[in-house]
N, C-alpha and C. Protein backbone atom coordinates (compact mmCIF):
# COMPACT_ATOMS: atom_id res chain seq x y z
N MET A 1 176.07 -26.59 -24.11
CA MET A 1 176.14 -26.21 -22.72
C MET A 1 175.63 -27.41 -21.90
N SER A 2 176.46 -27.92 -21.01
CA SER A 2 176.12 -29.09 -20.21
C SER A 2 175.59 -28.67 -18.83
N ILE A 3 174.26 -28.69 -18.70
CA ILE A 3 173.62 -28.31 -17.45
C ILE A 3 172.91 -29.52 -16.88
N ASP A 4 173.00 -29.68 -15.56
CA ASP A 4 172.31 -30.75 -14.87
C ASP A 4 171.69 -30.18 -13.60
N TYR A 5 170.80 -30.92 -12.99
CA TYR A 5 170.10 -30.46 -11.79
C TYR A 5 170.13 -31.57 -10.74
N VAL A 6 170.27 -31.15 -9.48
CA VAL A 6 170.24 -32.08 -8.36
C VAL A 6 169.33 -31.46 -7.29
N GLU A 7 168.33 -32.23 -6.85
CA GLU A 7 167.42 -31.69 -5.84
C GLU A 7 168.15 -31.51 -4.52
N MET A 8 167.95 -30.33 -3.92
CA MET A 8 168.58 -29.97 -2.64
C MET A 8 167.54 -29.53 -1.61
N THR A 9 166.27 -29.82 -1.87
CA THR A 9 165.22 -29.44 -0.93
C THR A 9 165.54 -29.99 0.45
N GLY A 10 165.55 -29.12 1.44
CA GLY A 10 165.80 -29.52 2.82
C GLY A 10 167.26 -29.58 3.24
N VAL A 11 168.18 -29.33 2.32
CA VAL A 11 169.61 -29.40 2.65
C VAL A 11 170.12 -27.98 2.92
N TYR A 12 169.93 -27.54 4.15
CA TYR A 12 170.24 -26.16 4.53
C TYR A 12 171.72 -25.82 4.34
N SER A 13 172.62 -26.75 4.65
CA SER A 13 174.05 -26.46 4.56
C SER A 13 174.47 -26.15 3.12
N LYS A 14 173.88 -26.84 2.16
CA LYS A 14 174.22 -26.59 0.74
C LYS A 14 173.67 -25.24 0.27
N ILE A 15 172.49 -24.89 0.75
CA ILE A 15 171.91 -23.59 0.41
C ILE A 15 172.81 -22.47 0.97
N GLN A 16 173.25 -22.63 2.22
CA GLN A 16 174.14 -21.63 2.82
C GLN A 16 175.42 -21.48 2.00
N GLU A 17 176.03 -22.59 1.61
CA GLU A 17 177.26 -22.55 0.81
C GLU A 17 177.04 -21.81 -0.50
N LEU A 18 175.93 -22.11 -1.17
CA LEU A 18 175.66 -21.47 -2.46
C LEU A 18 175.48 -19.97 -2.30
N TYR A 19 174.71 -19.55 -1.31
CA TYR A 19 174.44 -18.12 -1.15
C TYR A 19 175.66 -17.34 -0.65
N LYS A 20 176.65 -18.02 -0.09
CA LYS A 20 177.90 -17.34 0.27
C LYS A 20 178.66 -16.90 -0.97
N LYS A 21 178.32 -17.47 -2.11
CA LYS A 21 178.98 -17.15 -3.38
C LYS A 21 178.24 -16.07 -4.16
N THR A 22 177.28 -15.42 -3.52
CA THR A 22 176.51 -14.39 -4.21
C THR A 22 176.67 -13.05 -3.51
N THR A 23 176.49 -12.00 -4.27
CA THR A 23 176.54 -10.66 -3.68
C THR A 23 175.16 -10.30 -3.13
N GLN A 24 175.10 -9.27 -2.32
CA GLN A 24 173.83 -8.80 -1.79
C GLN A 24 172.90 -8.37 -2.92
N ASP A 25 173.46 -7.82 -4.00
CA ASP A 25 172.62 -7.43 -5.15
C ASP A 25 171.91 -8.64 -5.74
N SER A 26 172.61 -9.76 -5.89
CA SER A 26 171.99 -10.97 -6.42
C SER A 26 170.93 -11.51 -5.46
N ILE A 27 171.21 -11.42 -4.18
CA ILE A 27 170.24 -11.88 -3.17
C ILE A 27 168.99 -11.00 -3.23
N ILE A 28 169.17 -9.70 -3.38
CA ILE A 28 168.03 -8.79 -3.50
C ILE A 28 167.22 -9.11 -4.75
N HIS A 29 167.89 -9.39 -5.87
CA HIS A 29 167.16 -9.76 -7.08
C HIS A 29 166.38 -11.05 -6.87
N ARG A 30 166.94 -12.00 -6.12
CA ARG A 30 166.25 -13.27 -5.89
C ARG A 30 165.03 -13.12 -4.97
N PHE A 31 165.20 -12.42 -3.84
CA PHE A 31 164.15 -12.35 -2.84
C PHE A 31 163.39 -11.01 -2.82
N LEU A 32 163.80 -10.08 -3.67
CA LEU A 32 163.19 -8.75 -3.79
C LEU A 32 163.44 -7.86 -2.58
N HIS A 33 164.34 -8.26 -1.72
CA HIS A 33 164.79 -7.43 -0.59
C HIS A 33 166.01 -8.10 0.02
N PRO A 34 166.78 -7.37 0.84
CA PRO A 34 167.95 -7.98 1.48
C PRO A 34 167.55 -9.12 2.42
N VAL A 35 168.34 -10.16 2.42
CA VAL A 35 168.10 -11.30 3.30
C VAL A 35 169.43 -11.67 3.95
N ALA A 36 169.47 -11.64 5.28
CA ALA A 36 170.70 -11.97 5.99
C ALA A 36 170.95 -13.47 6.01
N ASP A 37 169.89 -14.26 6.15
CA ASP A 37 170.02 -15.71 6.26
C ASP A 37 169.04 -16.39 5.31
N PRO A 38 169.48 -16.74 4.10
CA PRO A 38 168.57 -17.37 3.14
C PRO A 38 167.95 -18.67 3.66
N THR A 39 168.61 -19.38 4.57
CA THR A 39 168.03 -20.63 5.06
C THR A 39 166.72 -20.38 5.80
N TYR A 40 166.59 -19.21 6.41
CA TYR A 40 165.33 -18.85 7.06
C TYR A 40 164.20 -18.78 6.04
N VAL A 41 164.47 -18.18 4.90
CA VAL A 41 163.47 -18.08 3.83
C VAL A 41 163.16 -19.46 3.27
N TYR A 42 164.21 -20.27 3.10
CA TYR A 42 163.99 -21.62 2.56
C TYR A 42 163.18 -22.49 3.52
N ARG A 43 163.34 -22.31 4.79
CA ARG A 43 162.52 -23.05 5.76
C ARG A 43 161.04 -22.77 5.47
N TYR A 44 160.72 -21.51 5.22
CA TYR A 44 159.35 -21.12 4.89
C TYR A 44 158.93 -21.72 3.54
N LEU A 45 159.76 -21.56 2.51
CA LEU A 45 159.42 -22.06 1.17
C LEU A 45 159.21 -23.57 1.17
N TRP A 46 160.16 -24.29 1.75
CA TRP A 46 160.08 -25.75 1.75
C TRP A 46 158.87 -26.24 2.54
N GLY A 47 158.47 -25.49 3.56
CA GLY A 47 157.28 -25.84 4.33
C GLY A 47 155.99 -25.67 3.53
N ARG A 48 156.06 -25.00 2.39
CA ARG A 48 154.90 -24.77 1.54
C ARG A 48 155.00 -25.51 0.21
N GLY A 49 155.83 -26.53 0.15
CA GLY A 49 155.89 -27.38 -1.04
C GLY A 49 156.91 -27.00 -2.07
N CYS A 50 157.72 -25.98 -1.82
CA CYS A 50 158.75 -25.59 -2.77
C CYS A 50 159.80 -26.69 -2.89
N ARG A 51 160.26 -26.91 -4.11
CA ARG A 51 161.39 -27.81 -4.36
C ARG A 51 162.53 -26.96 -4.88
N SER A 52 163.73 -27.22 -4.38
CA SER A 52 164.92 -26.48 -4.80
C SER A 52 165.88 -27.44 -5.48
N LEU A 53 166.29 -27.06 -6.69
CA LEU A 53 167.22 -27.88 -7.45
C LEU A 53 168.47 -27.06 -7.76
N PHE A 54 169.62 -27.60 -7.40
CA PHE A 54 170.87 -26.94 -7.74
C PHE A 54 171.12 -27.11 -9.22
N ILE A 55 171.67 -26.05 -9.81
CA ILE A 55 172.06 -26.06 -11.21
C ILE A 55 173.55 -26.38 -11.24
N TYR A 56 173.90 -27.43 -11.97
CA TYR A 56 175.31 -27.81 -12.12
C TYR A 56 175.73 -27.53 -13.55
N TYR A 57 176.88 -26.87 -13.66
CA TYR A 57 177.47 -26.58 -14.96
C TYR A 57 178.92 -27.03 -14.88
N ASP A 58 179.35 -27.88 -15.79
CA ASP A 58 180.69 -28.47 -15.73
C ASP A 58 180.95 -29.09 -14.35
N ASN A 59 179.94 -29.79 -13.84
CA ASN A 59 180.01 -30.49 -12.55
C ASN A 59 180.24 -29.59 -11.34
N LYS A 60 179.91 -28.31 -11.46
CA LYS A 60 180.03 -27.37 -10.34
C LYS A 60 178.67 -26.75 -10.07
N PRO A 61 178.29 -26.60 -8.78
CA PRO A 61 177.02 -25.92 -8.48
C PRO A 61 177.14 -24.43 -8.77
N VAL A 62 176.29 -23.95 -9.67
CA VAL A 62 176.38 -22.55 -10.10
C VAL A 62 175.09 -21.77 -9.85
N GLY A 63 174.09 -22.43 -9.29
CA GLY A 63 172.83 -21.73 -9.05
C GLY A 63 171.78 -22.65 -8.49
N VAL A 64 170.58 -22.09 -8.38
CA VAL A 64 169.45 -22.85 -7.84
C VAL A 64 168.18 -22.44 -8.56
N VAL A 65 167.30 -23.40 -8.76
CA VAL A 65 165.96 -23.16 -9.28
C VAL A 65 164.99 -23.56 -8.18
N ASP A 66 164.12 -22.64 -7.80
CA ASP A 66 163.11 -22.92 -6.79
C ASP A 66 161.75 -22.99 -7.50
N VAL A 67 161.03 -24.09 -7.28
CA VAL A 67 159.74 -24.32 -7.92
C VAL A 67 158.69 -24.55 -6.83
N THR A 68 157.72 -23.64 -6.75
CA THR A 68 156.65 -23.77 -5.77
C THR A 68 155.33 -23.99 -6.50
N PRO A 69 154.75 -25.19 -6.38
CA PRO A 69 153.46 -25.45 -7.03
C PRO A 69 152.37 -24.53 -6.49
N CYS A 70 151.45 -24.18 -7.37
CA CYS A 70 150.41 -23.23 -7.01
C CYS A 70 149.24 -23.45 -7.96
N GLY A 71 148.33 -24.33 -7.58
CA GLY A 71 147.24 -24.70 -8.47
C GLY A 71 147.77 -25.39 -9.70
N ASP A 72 147.32 -24.92 -10.87
CA ASP A 72 147.79 -25.49 -12.15
C ASP A 72 149.13 -24.92 -12.58
N GLY A 73 149.67 -24.00 -11.79
CA GLY A 73 150.91 -23.34 -12.16
C GLY A 73 151.99 -23.54 -11.12
N ALA A 74 153.08 -22.87 -11.36
CA ALA A 74 154.21 -22.91 -10.43
C ALA A 74 154.85 -21.53 -10.39
N GLU A 75 155.26 -21.14 -9.20
CA GLU A 75 156.08 -19.95 -9.07
C GLU A 75 157.52 -20.43 -9.14
N VAL A 76 158.30 -19.79 -9.99
CA VAL A 76 159.68 -20.23 -10.22
C VAL A 76 160.64 -19.07 -10.02
N ALA A 77 161.77 -19.36 -9.39
CA ALA A 77 162.85 -18.38 -9.24
C ALA A 77 164.16 -19.06 -9.61
N ILE A 78 164.99 -18.34 -10.33
CA ILE A 78 166.30 -18.85 -10.74
C ILE A 78 167.36 -17.91 -10.23
N LEU A 79 168.38 -18.46 -9.59
CA LEU A 79 169.53 -17.67 -9.14
C LEU A 79 170.79 -18.31 -9.70
N ILE A 80 171.59 -17.52 -10.38
CA ILE A 80 172.92 -17.95 -10.85
C ILE A 80 173.93 -17.18 -10.01
N ILE A 81 174.92 -17.90 -9.43
CA ILE A 81 175.90 -17.20 -8.61
C ILE A 81 176.70 -16.23 -9.46
N ASP A 82 177.20 -15.20 -8.81
CA ASP A 82 177.81 -14.07 -9.51
C ASP A 82 178.93 -14.47 -10.47
N ALA A 83 179.78 -15.40 -10.07
CA ALA A 83 180.92 -15.77 -10.91
C ALA A 83 180.50 -16.40 -12.24
N TYR A 84 179.25 -16.86 -12.34
CA TYR A 84 178.78 -17.52 -13.56
C TYR A 84 177.71 -16.72 -14.30
N GLN A 85 177.41 -15.52 -13.83
CA GLN A 85 176.44 -14.69 -14.53
C GLN A 85 177.04 -14.17 -15.82
N GLY A 86 176.18 -13.89 -16.79
CA GLY A 86 176.64 -13.35 -18.07
C GLY A 86 177.14 -14.40 -19.04
N ARG A 87 176.92 -15.68 -18.74
CA ARG A 87 177.36 -16.76 -19.63
C ARG A 87 176.20 -17.45 -20.34
N GLY A 88 175.00 -16.93 -20.17
CA GLY A 88 173.84 -17.53 -20.81
C GLY A 88 173.20 -18.66 -20.01
N LEU A 89 173.66 -18.87 -18.78
CA LEU A 89 173.11 -19.96 -17.98
C LEU A 89 171.67 -19.70 -17.55
N GLY A 90 171.34 -18.48 -17.15
CA GLY A 90 169.98 -18.16 -16.76
C GLY A 90 169.01 -18.40 -17.90
N LYS A 91 169.39 -17.97 -19.09
CA LYS A 91 168.56 -18.17 -20.28
C LYS A 91 168.40 -19.66 -20.57
N ALA A 92 169.48 -20.41 -20.51
CA ALA A 92 169.44 -21.85 -20.78
C ALA A 92 168.54 -22.57 -19.78
N VAL A 93 168.65 -22.20 -18.51
CA VAL A 93 167.82 -22.82 -17.47
C VAL A 93 166.35 -22.45 -17.68
N ALA A 94 166.07 -21.19 -18.01
CA ALA A 94 164.68 -20.77 -18.23
C ALA A 94 164.04 -21.57 -19.37
N TYR A 95 164.74 -21.72 -20.47
CA TYR A 95 164.21 -22.49 -21.60
C TYR A 95 164.04 -23.95 -21.22
N ASP A 96 165.04 -24.52 -20.58
CA ASP A 96 165.01 -25.94 -20.21
C ASP A 96 163.89 -26.21 -19.20
N PHE A 97 163.76 -25.35 -18.20
CA PHE A 97 162.77 -25.59 -17.17
C PHE A 97 161.35 -25.38 -17.65
N ALA A 98 161.14 -24.53 -18.64
CA ALA A 98 159.79 -24.37 -19.20
C ALA A 98 159.31 -25.72 -19.72
N GLY A 99 160.15 -26.41 -20.44
CA GLY A 99 159.80 -27.73 -20.96
C GLY A 99 159.59 -28.75 -19.85
N ARG A 100 160.44 -28.73 -18.85
CA ARG A 100 160.30 -29.66 -17.72
C ARG A 100 159.01 -29.42 -16.95
N LEU A 101 158.67 -28.16 -16.73
CA LEU A 101 157.46 -27.84 -15.97
C LEU A 101 156.21 -28.25 -16.75
N LYS A 102 156.25 -28.10 -18.06
CA LYS A 102 155.11 -28.52 -18.88
C LYS A 102 154.93 -30.04 -18.77
N LYS A 103 156.03 -30.78 -18.83
CA LYS A 103 155.96 -32.25 -18.69
C LYS A 103 155.46 -32.66 -17.31
N MET A 104 155.70 -31.81 -16.30
CA MET A 104 155.24 -32.09 -14.94
C MET A 104 153.75 -31.77 -14.78
N GLY A 105 153.13 -31.22 -15.82
CA GLY A 105 151.70 -30.95 -15.80
C GLY A 105 151.30 -29.53 -15.43
N PHE A 106 152.26 -28.66 -15.25
CA PHE A 106 151.93 -27.27 -14.95
C PHE A 106 151.46 -26.57 -16.22
N ARG A 107 150.50 -25.67 -16.07
CA ARG A 107 149.94 -24.96 -17.22
C ARG A 107 150.56 -23.58 -17.41
N TYR A 108 151.12 -23.03 -16.35
CA TYR A 108 151.76 -21.71 -16.45
C TYR A 108 152.82 -21.57 -15.38
N VAL A 109 153.68 -20.57 -15.57
CA VAL A 109 154.75 -20.26 -14.63
C VAL A 109 154.64 -18.78 -14.28
N LEU A 110 154.83 -18.49 -13.00
CA LEU A 110 154.89 -17.10 -12.54
C LEU A 110 156.26 -16.84 -11.93
N ALA A 111 156.73 -15.64 -12.10
CA ALA A 111 157.96 -15.19 -11.43
C ALA A 111 157.75 -13.74 -11.02
N TYR A 112 158.29 -13.41 -9.88
CA TYR A 112 158.24 -12.03 -9.39
C TYR A 112 159.64 -11.47 -9.53
N VAL A 113 159.77 -10.40 -10.31
CA VAL A 113 161.08 -9.89 -10.69
C VAL A 113 161.17 -8.40 -10.40
N SER A 114 162.29 -7.98 -9.86
CA SER A 114 162.54 -6.56 -9.63
C SER A 114 162.61 -5.85 -10.98
N PRO A 115 162.02 -4.65 -11.10
CA PRO A 115 162.12 -3.91 -12.36
C PRO A 115 163.57 -3.58 -12.75
N GLU A 116 164.48 -3.60 -11.77
CA GLU A 116 165.89 -3.34 -12.05
C GLU A 116 166.64 -4.58 -12.54
N ASN A 117 166.00 -5.74 -12.50
CA ASN A 117 166.65 -6.97 -12.94
C ASN A 117 166.47 -7.12 -14.45
N TYR A 118 167.22 -6.30 -15.18
CA TYR A 118 167.09 -6.22 -16.63
C TYR A 118 167.38 -7.55 -17.32
N LYS A 119 168.34 -8.31 -16.81
CA LYS A 119 168.69 -9.60 -17.43
C LYS A 119 167.52 -10.57 -17.37
N ALA A 120 166.89 -10.69 -16.19
CA ALA A 120 165.76 -11.62 -16.05
C ALA A 120 164.58 -11.18 -16.92
N LEU A 121 164.32 -9.89 -16.97
CA LEU A 121 163.21 -9.39 -17.79
C LEU A 121 163.48 -9.59 -19.28
N ALA A 122 164.74 -9.45 -19.69
CA ALA A 122 165.09 -9.69 -21.10
C ALA A 122 164.86 -11.15 -21.47
N ILE A 123 165.22 -12.06 -20.57
CA ILE A 123 164.98 -13.49 -20.81
C ILE A 123 163.47 -13.74 -20.93
N ALA A 124 162.70 -13.16 -20.02
CA ALA A 124 161.24 -13.34 -20.05
C ALA A 124 160.66 -12.85 -21.37
N ARG A 125 161.14 -11.71 -21.84
CA ARG A 125 160.64 -11.18 -23.13
C ARG A 125 161.00 -12.12 -24.28
N ARG A 126 162.23 -12.66 -24.25
CA ARG A 126 162.67 -13.56 -25.33
C ARG A 126 161.83 -14.82 -25.41
N ILE A 127 161.37 -15.33 -24.27
CA ILE A 127 160.57 -16.56 -24.32
C ILE A 127 159.09 -16.27 -24.56
N GLY A 128 158.73 -15.00 -24.63
CA GLY A 128 157.35 -14.63 -24.94
C GLY A 128 156.44 -14.54 -23.72
N ALA A 129 157.00 -14.30 -22.56
CA ALA A 129 156.20 -14.19 -21.34
C ALA A 129 155.48 -12.84 -21.29
N GLU A 130 154.37 -12.82 -20.58
CA GLU A 130 153.65 -11.58 -20.32
C GLU A 130 154.27 -10.93 -19.09
N ILE A 131 154.56 -9.65 -19.16
CA ILE A 131 155.20 -8.94 -18.05
C ILE A 131 154.37 -7.72 -17.69
N LYS A 132 154.02 -7.63 -16.41
CA LYS A 132 153.30 -6.45 -15.91
C LYS A 132 154.10 -5.91 -14.73
N CYS A 133 154.50 -4.64 -14.82
CA CYS A 133 155.34 -4.04 -13.79
C CYS A 133 154.66 -2.88 -13.08
N ARG A 134 154.88 -2.85 -11.81
CA ARG A 134 154.59 -1.70 -10.95
C ARG A 134 155.80 -1.62 -10.03
N ASP A 135 155.61 -1.84 -8.75
CA ASP A 135 156.75 -1.89 -7.83
C ASP A 135 157.57 -3.15 -8.08
N VAL A 136 156.89 -4.23 -8.46
CA VAL A 136 157.49 -5.52 -8.79
C VAL A 136 156.90 -5.95 -10.12
N CYS A 137 157.70 -6.61 -10.93
CA CYS A 137 157.19 -7.14 -12.19
C CYS A 137 156.68 -8.55 -11.97
N VAL A 138 155.48 -8.81 -12.47
CA VAL A 138 154.92 -10.16 -12.45
C VAL A 138 155.09 -10.70 -13.86
N VAL A 139 155.82 -11.80 -13.95
CA VAL A 139 156.09 -12.43 -15.23
C VAL A 139 155.24 -13.70 -15.28
N LYS A 140 154.47 -13.83 -16.35
CA LYS A 140 153.64 -15.03 -16.52
C LYS A 140 153.95 -15.63 -17.87
N TYR A 141 154.26 -16.92 -17.85
CA TYR A 141 154.53 -17.65 -19.07
C TYR A 141 153.57 -18.83 -19.13
N VAL A 142 152.70 -18.83 -20.13
CA VAL A 142 151.71 -19.89 -20.28
C VAL A 142 152.36 -21.07 -20.99
N LEU A 143 152.28 -22.25 -20.35
CA LEU A 143 152.86 -23.47 -20.89
C LEU A 143 151.85 -24.29 -21.67
N ALA A 144 150.54 -24.17 -21.30
CA ALA A 144 149.49 -24.98 -21.93
C ALA A 144 148.21 -24.17 -21.98
N GLU A 145 147.32 -24.55 -22.86
CA GLU A 145 146.02 -23.90 -22.97
C GLU A 145 145.32 -23.92 -21.62
N GLY A 146 144.65 -22.84 -21.30
CA GLY A 146 143.89 -22.77 -20.05
C GLY A 146 144.73 -22.39 -18.85
N GLY A 147 145.96 -21.96 -19.07
CA GLY A 147 146.83 -21.59 -17.95
C GLY A 147 146.53 -20.20 -17.45
N GLU A 148 145.30 -19.95 -17.07
CA GLU A 148 144.89 -18.61 -16.69
C GLU A 148 144.74 -18.39 -15.19
N GLU A 149 144.60 -19.48 -14.41
CA GLU A 149 144.46 -19.31 -12.96
C GLU A 149 145.75 -18.74 -12.39
N MET A 150 145.62 -17.72 -11.57
CA MET A 150 146.81 -17.06 -11.02
C MET A 150 147.06 -17.48 -9.59
N CYS A 151 148.33 -17.67 -9.25
CA CYS A 151 148.71 -17.91 -7.86
C CYS A 151 148.65 -16.59 -7.11
N ARG A 152 148.27 -16.64 -5.89
CA ARG A 152 148.32 -15.45 -5.03
C ARG A 152 149.55 -15.59 -4.17
N ARG A 153 150.37 -14.57 -4.19
CA ARG A 153 151.62 -14.61 -3.44
C ARG A 153 151.37 -14.42 -1.99
């Protein structure tokens, strides 16, 4: 599987194009609620140090990985556009990015996942992440010893 990443932090037009290729269900899974204008959310995220990288598969943008540093850890979100879901791309990106984040010096990764997002939770279980669910599932994957400090959302 040939996956590549290109940083798109601050490029609002590209974010708009990508999210036009997603359904409201996918947007809800990404942001945990409906969002009319994702660029508004990205303005907030990017203002707090988030980096957004487009996922390219066969030289086509098929998703985005958002990485927000938070102490020794990072909050990470992955979105694959609807036309490319179910091909193993989310799983491939999760595995690949765990290694990249460890090399970047992060000790743990957090993700906030809807309990209805069965695909994301299955990936988290496969990689051995800790999952605690109530209204929202908090997924924690420790990359290095001592990755115990938690980000506050």
